[in-house]
Amino acid sequence: MKIATVQATALKTRSAIVQVTTDEGVTGIGECTPMNVEVLANFVNTALRPLLVGEDPLEIDKLWNTMLFKTYKMGPHGIQPGAMAGVDIALWDILGKVTGLPIYTLLGGGYRDRIMMYCSIGGGAPLTPDEMVRKVDDALTAGFRAIKIRMDWGPYRRDQDPDKDMAMFTAVRKLVGDDIPLSFDANNGYSVSTAIKQGRKFEELNIYHFEEPVAQYDYAGIKQVVDALDVAVSAGEHEYTRWQFRDLISQANPDILQPDVVKCGGITEMRKIAVLSDTYSKDFVPHQTQPTIGTAASLHVVAAIQTANKPQEFTGVREDLNTLFKEPLEFKDGHITLPNRPGLGLEIDNDRLKEFAL
C-alpha cells in the first residue's frame, strides 16, 4: 500500500483539514493548527506532499522524521509542526482503518473511553465580569461541570488589568460554587510578581489550575511562579517538540504539561511528550481548541495514558462543524465518549467539505 494523494483544504471556519488517500482507496483525515489555515494548507500541499506520495502510509514514525528533517529549516516552532500534525493524524487514521482498530487501541489500549471535559471560555480581556458570568452560565446549562476562563492578554499586554481579572474570577466562582473545578488562563499576560500575587488570591478562591501565568518564553519566570504557589501551574501550548518539552520541564518545572496535538506535529510526537510527562510525574492535560478532529485525536492519546485522568479542554460543540462529519463526536453530560470505530472514528462528508472550503 502506498500514499497516492495528500490534500489539505483551508476552510472558512478557520480550520485546515488534511486528507491522505492510499492506492487501495483508504482515506485518513487530520487537522492542522488554526493559526493561519491558508499558509498551513499550502505548506502541506507544496512542502510535505512531495515527501509523502509513493511512501508506505503505515511507516508513521519514519514519515514523521522525514517531514521534520527535510523541512527543518522552514521552522520547527509553528507552521512546520502545525502542518505536519494534519498529515500525521491522517496517517494514524489510516492505520486504524487498515487494522480495524481505534487509535487508542493502537497506542496500547484505552484506560477510559468516556472523558470528562472542561469548558474553555476565551475572549476574557474585553469582557466585563458580568458578561463572563453569562458565558459560564451557558456552559453549565450545556452540561459542563468544569470550567476555565481565558483572558487572551498575551505577553505584549503585561499586567493590563489584574484587578478586573480577579473580579471576574471571583464572580464566576460565586456562580459555580465550590464543587465545580474552576481554572484561570492568563494567556502569558502577567509579570512574575503579579502572577504570584494573583495566584495567592486565586488559591483562596479554590482555583483548580493556573495556566500560562507569564510569558511563554520566560522559563525562569514560570519556575518562580511554580515555586511560590501551591496551585498547579500549567504550560506547554507554545512548545512543539519533545525537545522543547524536555527544556520546559528541566528549566520551568510546571505541574501540568499542555501539548496541542494539532500544533506539536500530531499523535506521533504527542505520545512521546506523554512519555516525558509520565517520566517526570507531570499531569497531562493537552491544550485543544479544535472541537472535531483535533479533539478526537487528542482524546485518543489521553485515553491511552493511565494517569491522564483530569478533565480535558473543550471549547464546546460547534454544530456547523459537526455537519462535516457523518457521525460527529457526541458531548453529553459534561463528557465525550470516544467512538470505538476504526481510526479516529470520524468520516468526512466531502460534499460538505467543498461548501466550507475557502
Protein backbone atom coordinates (compact mmCIF):
# COMPACT_ATOMS: atom_id res chain seq x y z
CA MET A 1 0.00 0.00 0.00
CA LYS A 2 1.31 3.44 -0.96
CA ILE A 3 0.22 7.01 -0.44
CA ALA A 4 -1.48 8.21 -3.62
CA THR A 5 -2.63 11.72 -2.70
CA VAL A 6 -2.20 14.27 0.07
CA GLN A 7 -4.62 17.20 0.07
CA ALA A 8 -5.05 19.98 2.62
CA THR A 9 -8.15 22.17 2.40
CA ALA A 10 -8.41 25.53 4.17
CA LEU A 11 -11.93 26.13 5.47
CA LYS A 12 -13.92 29.29 6.13
CA THR A 13 -14.28 28.11 9.72
CA ARG A 14 -10.54 28.68 10.43
CA SER A 15 -9.68 25.01 10.06
CA ALA A 16 -7.31 23.20 7.73
CA ILE A 17 -8.37 19.63 7.01
CA VAL A 18 -5.90 17.11 5.58
CA GLN A 19 -6.92 14.00 3.64
CA VAL A 20 -4.36 11.31 2.83
CA THR A 21 -5.53 8.63 0.40
CA THR A 22 -3.79 5.36 -0.46
CA ASP A 23 -3.64 3.50 -3.74
CA GLU A 24 -6.03 0.98 -2.15
CA GLY A 25 -8.68 3.65 -1.57
CA VAL A 26 -8.24 4.10 2.18
CA THR A 27 -8.51 7.75 3.26
CA GLY A 28 -7.35 9.17 6.57
CA ILE A 29 -8.29 12.61 7.87
CA GLY A 30 -6.33 15.06 10.01
CA GLU A 31 -6.37 18.68 11.09
CA CYS A 32 -3.69 21.38 11.29
CA THR A 33 -3.32 24.16 13.80
CA PRO A 34 -5.72 27.05 13.03
CA MET A 35 -3.08 29.77 13.25
CA ASN A 36 -3.17 30.60 9.50
CA VAL A 37 -5.07 27.96 7.59
CA GLU A 38 -4.21 29.16 4.10
CA VAL A 39 -0.46 29.11 4.84
CA LEU A 40 -0.75 25.73 6.55
CA ALA A 41 -2.69 24.15 3.70
CA ASN A 42 -0.11 25.48 1.25
CA PHE A 43 2.73 24.04 3.35
CA VAL A 44 1.09 20.60 3.31
CA ASN A 45 0.37 20.74 -0.41
CA THR A 46 3.74 22.09 -1.54
CA ALA A 47 6.37 21.16 1.07
CA LEU A 48 5.06 17.90 2.58
CA ARG A 49 3.13 16.24 -0.24
CA PRO A 50 6.24 15.56 -2.41
CA LEU A 51 7.87 13.80 0.56
CA LEU A 52 4.89 11.50 1.10
CA VAL A 53 3.41 10.38 -2.23
CA GLY A 54 4.59 6.86 -3.06
CA GLU A 55 5.55 6.07 0.56
CA ASP A 56 4.07 3.42 2.85
CA PRO A 57 1.43 5.19 5.00
CA LEU A 58 1.90 2.70 7.84
CA GLU A 59 5.51 3.76 8.44
CA ILE A 60 4.28 6.65 10.52
CA ASP A 61 7.31 7.39 12.68
CA LYS A 62 9.62 7.17 9.66
CA LEU A 63 7.43 9.59 7.72
CA TRP A 64 7.24 11.95 10.71
CA ASN A 65 11.02 12.20 10.79
CA THR A 66 11.14 12.65 7.02
CA MET A 67 8.71 15.56 7.24
CA LEU A 68 10.54 17.15 10.17
CA PHE A 69 14.12 16.96 8.98
CA LYS A 70 13.51 17.51 5.26
CA THR A 71 11.75 20.82 6.05
CA TYR A 72 13.51 21.64 9.33
CA LYS A 73 14.96 24.96 8.17
CA MET A 74 11.43 26.15 7.49
CA GLY A 75 10.91 26.20 11.24
CA PRO A 76 10.03 23.63 13.94
CA HIS A 77 8.27 26.29 16.04
CA GLY A 78 4.89 26.83 14.41
CA ILE A 79 3.90 26.37 10.77
CA GLN A 80 6.05 23.30 10.16
CA PRO A 81 4.83 21.09 13.06
CA GLY A 82 1.33 22.52 12.71
CA ALA A 83 1.18 21.35 9.10
CA MET A 84 2.83 18.03 9.94
CA ALA A 85 0.14 17.44 12.56
CA GLY A 86 -2.61 17.29 9.96
CA VAL A 87 -0.71 14.66 7.95
CA ASP A 88 0.34 12.64 10.98
CA ILE A 89 -3.19 12.42 12.39
CA ALA A 90 -4.42 11.29 8.97
CA LEU A 91 -1.76 8.55 8.86
CA TRP A 92 -2.88 7.24 12.26
CA ASP A 93 -6.45 7.31 10.97
CA ILE A 94 -5.36 5.17 8.00
CA LEU A 95 -3.57 2.72 10.31
CA GLY A 96 -6.75 2.36 12.35
CA LYS A 97 -8.88 1.79 9.28
CA VAL A 98 -6.47 -0.80 7.86
CA THR A 99 -6.34 -2.73 11.15
CA GLY A 100 -9.98 -2.17 12.05
CA LEU A 101 -8.96 -0.67 15.43
CA PRO A 102 -9.47 2.69 17.14
CA ILE A 103 -6.31 4.74 17.58
CA TYR A 104 -6.34 4.43 21.38
CA THR A 105 -6.06 0.66 20.97
CA LEU A 106 -3.13 1.07 18.59
CA LEU A 107 -1.46 3.29 21.22
CA GLY A 108 -1.56 0.45 23.72
CA GLY A 109 -5.15 0.32 24.91
CA GLY A 110 -7.80 2.61 26.32
CA TYR A 111 -7.83 3.20 30.06
CA ARG A 112 -11.07 5.11 29.61
CA ASP A 113 -13.44 5.82 26.74
CA ARG A 114 -15.65 8.38 28.49
CA ILE A 115 -13.68 11.52 29.29
CA MET A 116 -14.80 14.50 31.36
CA MET A 117 -14.32 17.80 29.55
CA TYR A 118 -13.89 21.29 30.95
CA CYS A 119 -15.39 24.24 29.10
CA SER A 120 -12.63 26.55 27.87
CA ILE A 121 -14.10 30.06 27.54
CA GLY A 122 -11.85 32.62 25.86
CA GLY A 123 -12.04 36.29 24.98
CA GLY A 124 -11.95 37.46 28.57
CA ALA A 125 -9.83 40.55 28.00
CA PRO A 126 -12.57 42.83 26.62
CA LEU A 127 -15.39 41.30 28.70
CA THR A 128 -16.86 42.59 31.92
CA PRO A 129 -17.21 40.16 34.84
CA ASP A 130 -20.99 40.03 34.26
CA GLU A 131 -20.50 39.14 30.60
CA MET A 132 -18.16 36.29 31.51
CA VAL A 133 -20.61 35.08 34.14
CA ARG A 134 -23.29 34.80 31.46
CA LYS A 135 -20.96 32.74 29.25
CA VAL A 136 -20.14 30.42 32.14
CA ASP A 137 -23.83 30.07 33.00
CA ASP A 138 -24.46 28.99 29.39
CA ALA A 139 -21.70 26.38 29.73
CA LEU A 140 -23.27 24.99 32.88
CA THR A 141 -26.62 24.80 31.10
CA ALA A 142 -24.90 22.89 28.28
CA GLY A 143 -23.79 20.24 30.78
CA PHE A 144 -20.23 21.22 31.69
CA ARG A 145 -19.12 20.55 35.26
CA ALA A 146 -15.63 22.03 34.98
CA ILE A 147 -14.72 25.50 33.68
CA LYS A 148 -11.70 27.54 32.58
CA ILE A 149 -11.82 31.24 31.77
CA ARG A 150 -9.16 32.66 29.42
CA MET A 151 -8.02 36.27 29.30
CA ASP A 152 -6.19 36.32 25.93
CA TRP A 153 -3.83 39.04 27.14
CA GLY A 154 -0.52 37.86 25.69
CA PRO A 155 2.93 38.97 26.87
CA TYR A 156 2.71 42.25 24.95
CA ARG A 157 -0.12 43.47 27.25
CA ARG A 158 1.55 42.57 30.52
CA ASP A 159 -0.35 43.37 33.73
CA GLN A 160 -3.09 45.10 31.75
CA ASP A 161 -5.94 44.79 34.27
CA PRO A 162 -5.29 42.22 37.03
CA ASP A 163 -7.99 43.74 39.27
CA LYS A 164 -10.65 43.11 36.63
CA ASP A 165 -9.32 39.58 36.14
CA MET A 166 -9.68 38.91 39.85
CA ALA A 167 -13.17 40.41 39.93
CA MET A 168 -14.13 38.18 37.01
CA PHE A 169 -12.76 35.03 38.63
CA THR A 170 -14.49 35.91 41.93
CA ALA A 171 -17.83 36.44 40.19
CA VAL A 172 -17.55 33.17 38.29
CA ARG A 173 -16.61 31.28 41.46
CA LYS A 174 -19.69 32.69 43.15
CA LEU A 175 -21.83 31.42 40.27
CA VAL A 176 -20.40 27.91 40.00
CA GLY A 177 -19.92 27.23 43.72
CA ASP A 178 -17.06 25.40 45.36
CA ASP A 179 -17.67 21.96 43.85
CA ILE A 180 -17.03 22.91 40.20
CA PRO A 181 -13.34 22.85 39.17
CA LEU A 182 -12.55 26.40 38.04
CA SER A 183 -9.30 27.33 36.30
CA PHE A 184 -7.78 30.59 35.08
CA ASP A 185 -5.66 31.16 31.98
CA ALA A 186 -3.69 34.43 31.99
CA ASN A 187 -2.52 33.71 28.43
CA ASN A 188 1.02 34.83 29.33
CA GLY A 189 -0.29 38.20 30.50
CA TYR A 190 1.37 38.76 33.89
CA SER A 191 4.77 39.73 35.19
CA VAL A 192 6.24 37.30 37.68
CA SER A 193 5.37 39.43 40.70
CA THR A 194 1.80 39.99 39.54
CA ALA A 195 1.35 36.30 38.73
CA ILE A 196 2.42 35.33 42.23
CA LYS A 197 0.19 37.98 43.82
CA GLN A 198 -2.78 36.92 41.68
CA GLY A 199 -2.04 33.24 42.25
CA ARG A 200 -2.21 33.61 46.02
CA LYS A 201 -5.62 35.28 45.72
CA PHE A 202 -6.76 32.55 43.32
CA GLU A 203 -5.70 29.92 45.85
CA GLU A 204 -8.02 31.49 48.42
CA LEU A 205 -10.83 31.01 45.89
CA ASN A 206 -10.01 27.31 45.37
CA ILE A 207 -8.60 27.61 41.84
CA TYR A 208 -8.17 24.28 40.04
CA HIS A 209 -5.17 25.23 37.88
CA PHE A 210 -3.37 28.42 36.86
CA GLU A 211 -2.43 28.40 33.18
CA GLU A 212 0.42 30.25 31.47
CA PRO A 213 0.76 32.98 34.11
CA VAL A 214 3.79 34.67 32.48
CA ALA A 215 5.36 34.93 29.03
CA GLN A 216 5.72 31.55 27.36
CA TYR A 217 9.42 32.09 26.65
CA ASP A 218 10.22 33.04 30.26
CA TYR A 219 11.11 29.62 31.66
CA ALA A 220 12.85 31.16 34.68
CA GLY A 221 9.76 33.25 35.39
CA ILE A 222 7.45 30.25 35.15
CA LYS A 223 9.63 28.43 37.66
CA GLN A 224 9.47 31.36 40.07
CA VAL A 225 5.68 31.24 39.94
CA VAL A 226 5.63 27.44 40.32
CA ASP A 227 7.92 27.62 43.34
CA ALA A 228 5.92 30.40 45.01
CA LEU A 229 2.43 28.87 44.70
CA ASP A 230 0.62 25.74 45.83
CA VAL A 231 -1.85 25.76 42.92
CA ALA A 232 -0.91 23.60 39.93
CA VAL A 233 0.67 25.76 37.22
CA SER A 234 0.38 24.65 33.59
CA ALA A 235 2.33 25.41 30.41
CA GLY A 236 3.18 23.90 27.05
CA GLU A 237 0.76 25.02 24.35
CA HIS A 238 3.60 27.09 22.87
CA GLU A 239 6.00 24.15 22.72
CA TYR A 240 6.15 21.96 19.63
CA THR A 241 8.54 19.05 20.11
CA ARG A 242 9.69 16.65 22.81
CA TRP A 243 12.99 18.53 22.95
CA GLN A 244 11.23 21.76 23.84
CA PHE A 245 9.18 19.95 26.46
CA ARG A 246 12.39 18.48 27.87
CA ASP A 247 13.71 22.02 28.33
CA LEU A 248 10.38 23.27 29.69
CA ILE A 249 10.40 20.55 32.35
CA SER A 250 14.05 20.95 33.32
CA GLN A 251 14.01 24.75 33.42
CA ALA A 252 10.44 25.82 34.26
CA ASN A 253 9.12 22.70 36.04
CA PRO A 254 5.36 23.27 35.52
CA ASP A 255 2.96 20.93 37.28
CA ILE A 256 0.82 20.31 34.18
CA LEU A 257 2.01 19.78 30.58
CA GLN A 258 -0.20 21.03 27.77
CA PRO A 259 0.92 19.94 24.31
CA ASP A 260 -1.54 20.52 21.49
CA VAL A 261 -1.87 17.65 19.01
CA VAL A 262 -2.60 19.98 16.06
CA LYS A 263 0.46 22.11 16.91
CA CYS A 264 3.10 19.64 18.10
CA GLY A 265 3.34 17.51 14.98
CA GLY A 266 0.40 15.21 15.64
CA ILE A 267 -0.15 11.98 17.54
CA THR A 268 3.35 10.62 16.90
CA GLU A 269 5.06 13.44 18.80
CA MET A 270 2.33 13.91 21.37
CA ARG A 271 2.69 10.35 22.62
CA LYS A 272 6.45 10.93 23.06
CA ILE A 273 5.72 14.07 25.05
CA ALA A 274 3.32 11.97 27.12
CA VAL A 275 6.22 9.66 27.99
CA LEU A 276 8.10 12.68 29.34
CA SER A 277 5.02 13.66 31.31
CA ASP A 278 4.84 10.22 32.90
CA THR A 279 8.61 10.02 33.48
CA TYR A 280 8.68 13.35 35.34
CA SER A 281 5.33 12.81 37.12
CA LYS A 282 3.56 15.71 35.44
CA ASP A 283 -0.17 15.87 34.85
CA PHE A 284 -1.02 15.55 31.16
CA VAL A 285 -3.84 17.91 30.15
CA PRO A 286 -3.40 18.86 26.48
CA HIS A 287 -4.33 22.23 25.06
CA GLN A 288 -7.04 21.94 22.40
CA THR A 289 -9.36 24.47 20.77
CA GLN A 290 -10.39 22.49 17.67
CA PRO A 291 -13.65 20.77 18.61
CA THR A 292 -13.79 18.00 15.99
CA ILE A 293 -10.73 16.23 14.55
CA GLY A 294 -8.30 17.96 16.92
CA THR A 295 -10.34 16.99 19.96
CA ALA A 296 -10.78 13.41 18.73
CA ALA A 297 -7.04 12.97 18.10
CA SER A 298 -6.16 14.48 21.47
CA LEU A 299 -8.62 12.27 23.34
CA HIS A 300 -7.31 9.09 21.68
CA VAL A 301 -3.89 9.89 23.15
CA VAL A 302 -5.35 10.83 26.53
CA ALA A 303 -7.40 7.63 26.63
CA ALA A 304 -4.23 5.56 26.25
CA ILE A 305 -2.39 7.22 29.18
CA GLN A 306 -3.13 5.65 32.54
CA THR A 307 -2.54 8.81 34.59
CA ALA A 308 -4.31 11.30 32.27
CA ASN A 309 -7.46 11.36 34.36
CA LYS A 310 -8.18 15.08 34.72
CA PRO A 311 -10.88 16.98 32.78
CA GLN A 312 -9.74 17.83 29.26
CA GLU A 313 -10.12 21.07 27.30
CA PHE A 314 -13.14 21.58 25.06
CA THR A 315 -14.39 24.84 23.57
CA GLY A 316 -17.87 23.40 23.12
CA VAL A 317 -19.97 21.82 20.41
CA ARG A 318 -19.87 23.56 17.03
CA GLU A 319 -22.98 22.43 15.19
CA ASP A 320 -21.74 23.95 11.93
CA LEU A 321 -18.51 21.93 12.07
CA ASN A 322 -20.36 18.79 13.14
CA THR A 323 -22.20 18.82 9.81
CA LEU A 324 -18.87 17.98 8.15
CA PHE A 325 -18.99 14.50 9.68
CA LYS A 326 -21.30 11.58 9.14
CA GLU A 327 -21.15 10.69 12.86
CA PRO A 328 -19.65 13.57 14.86
CA LEU A 329 -18.28 13.33 18.38
CA GLU A 330 -21.04 13.32 21.00
CA PHE A 331 -20.82 15.62 24.01
CA LYS A 332 -23.25 14.64 26.75
CA ASP A 333 -23.46 15.30 30.49
CA GLY A 334 -20.09 17.03 30.52
CA HIS A 335 -18.28 14.11 28.85
CA ILE A 336 -17.23 12.92 25.40
CA THR A 337 -17.37 9.20 24.74
CA LEU A 338 -14.75 8.16 22.21
CA PRO A 339 -16.17 6.10 19.34
CA ASN A 340 -14.85 2.55 19.07
CA ARG A 341 -14.90 2.73 15.29
CA PRO A 342 -11.59 2.28 13.41
CA GLY A 343 -9.07 5.12 13.43
CA LEU A 344 -10.34 8.43 14.75
CA GLY A 345 -13.89 7.21 14.40
CA LEU A 346 -14.83 10.16 12.17
CA GLU A 347 -15.75 10.25 8.49
CA ILE A 348 -15.76 13.44 6.40
CA ASP A 349 -18.70 14.34 4.19
CA ASN A 350 -16.78 15.57 1.13
CA ASP A 351 -19.75 17.44 -0.32
CA ARG A 352 -19.99 19.48 2.87
CA LEU A 353 -16.22 19.96 2.89
CA LYS A 354 -16.43 21.63 -0.53
CA GLU A 355 -19.08 24.00 0.81
CA PHE A 356 -16.80 25.03 3.68
CA ALA A 357 -13.66 25.44 1.59
CA LEU A 358 -12.13 28.89 1.16
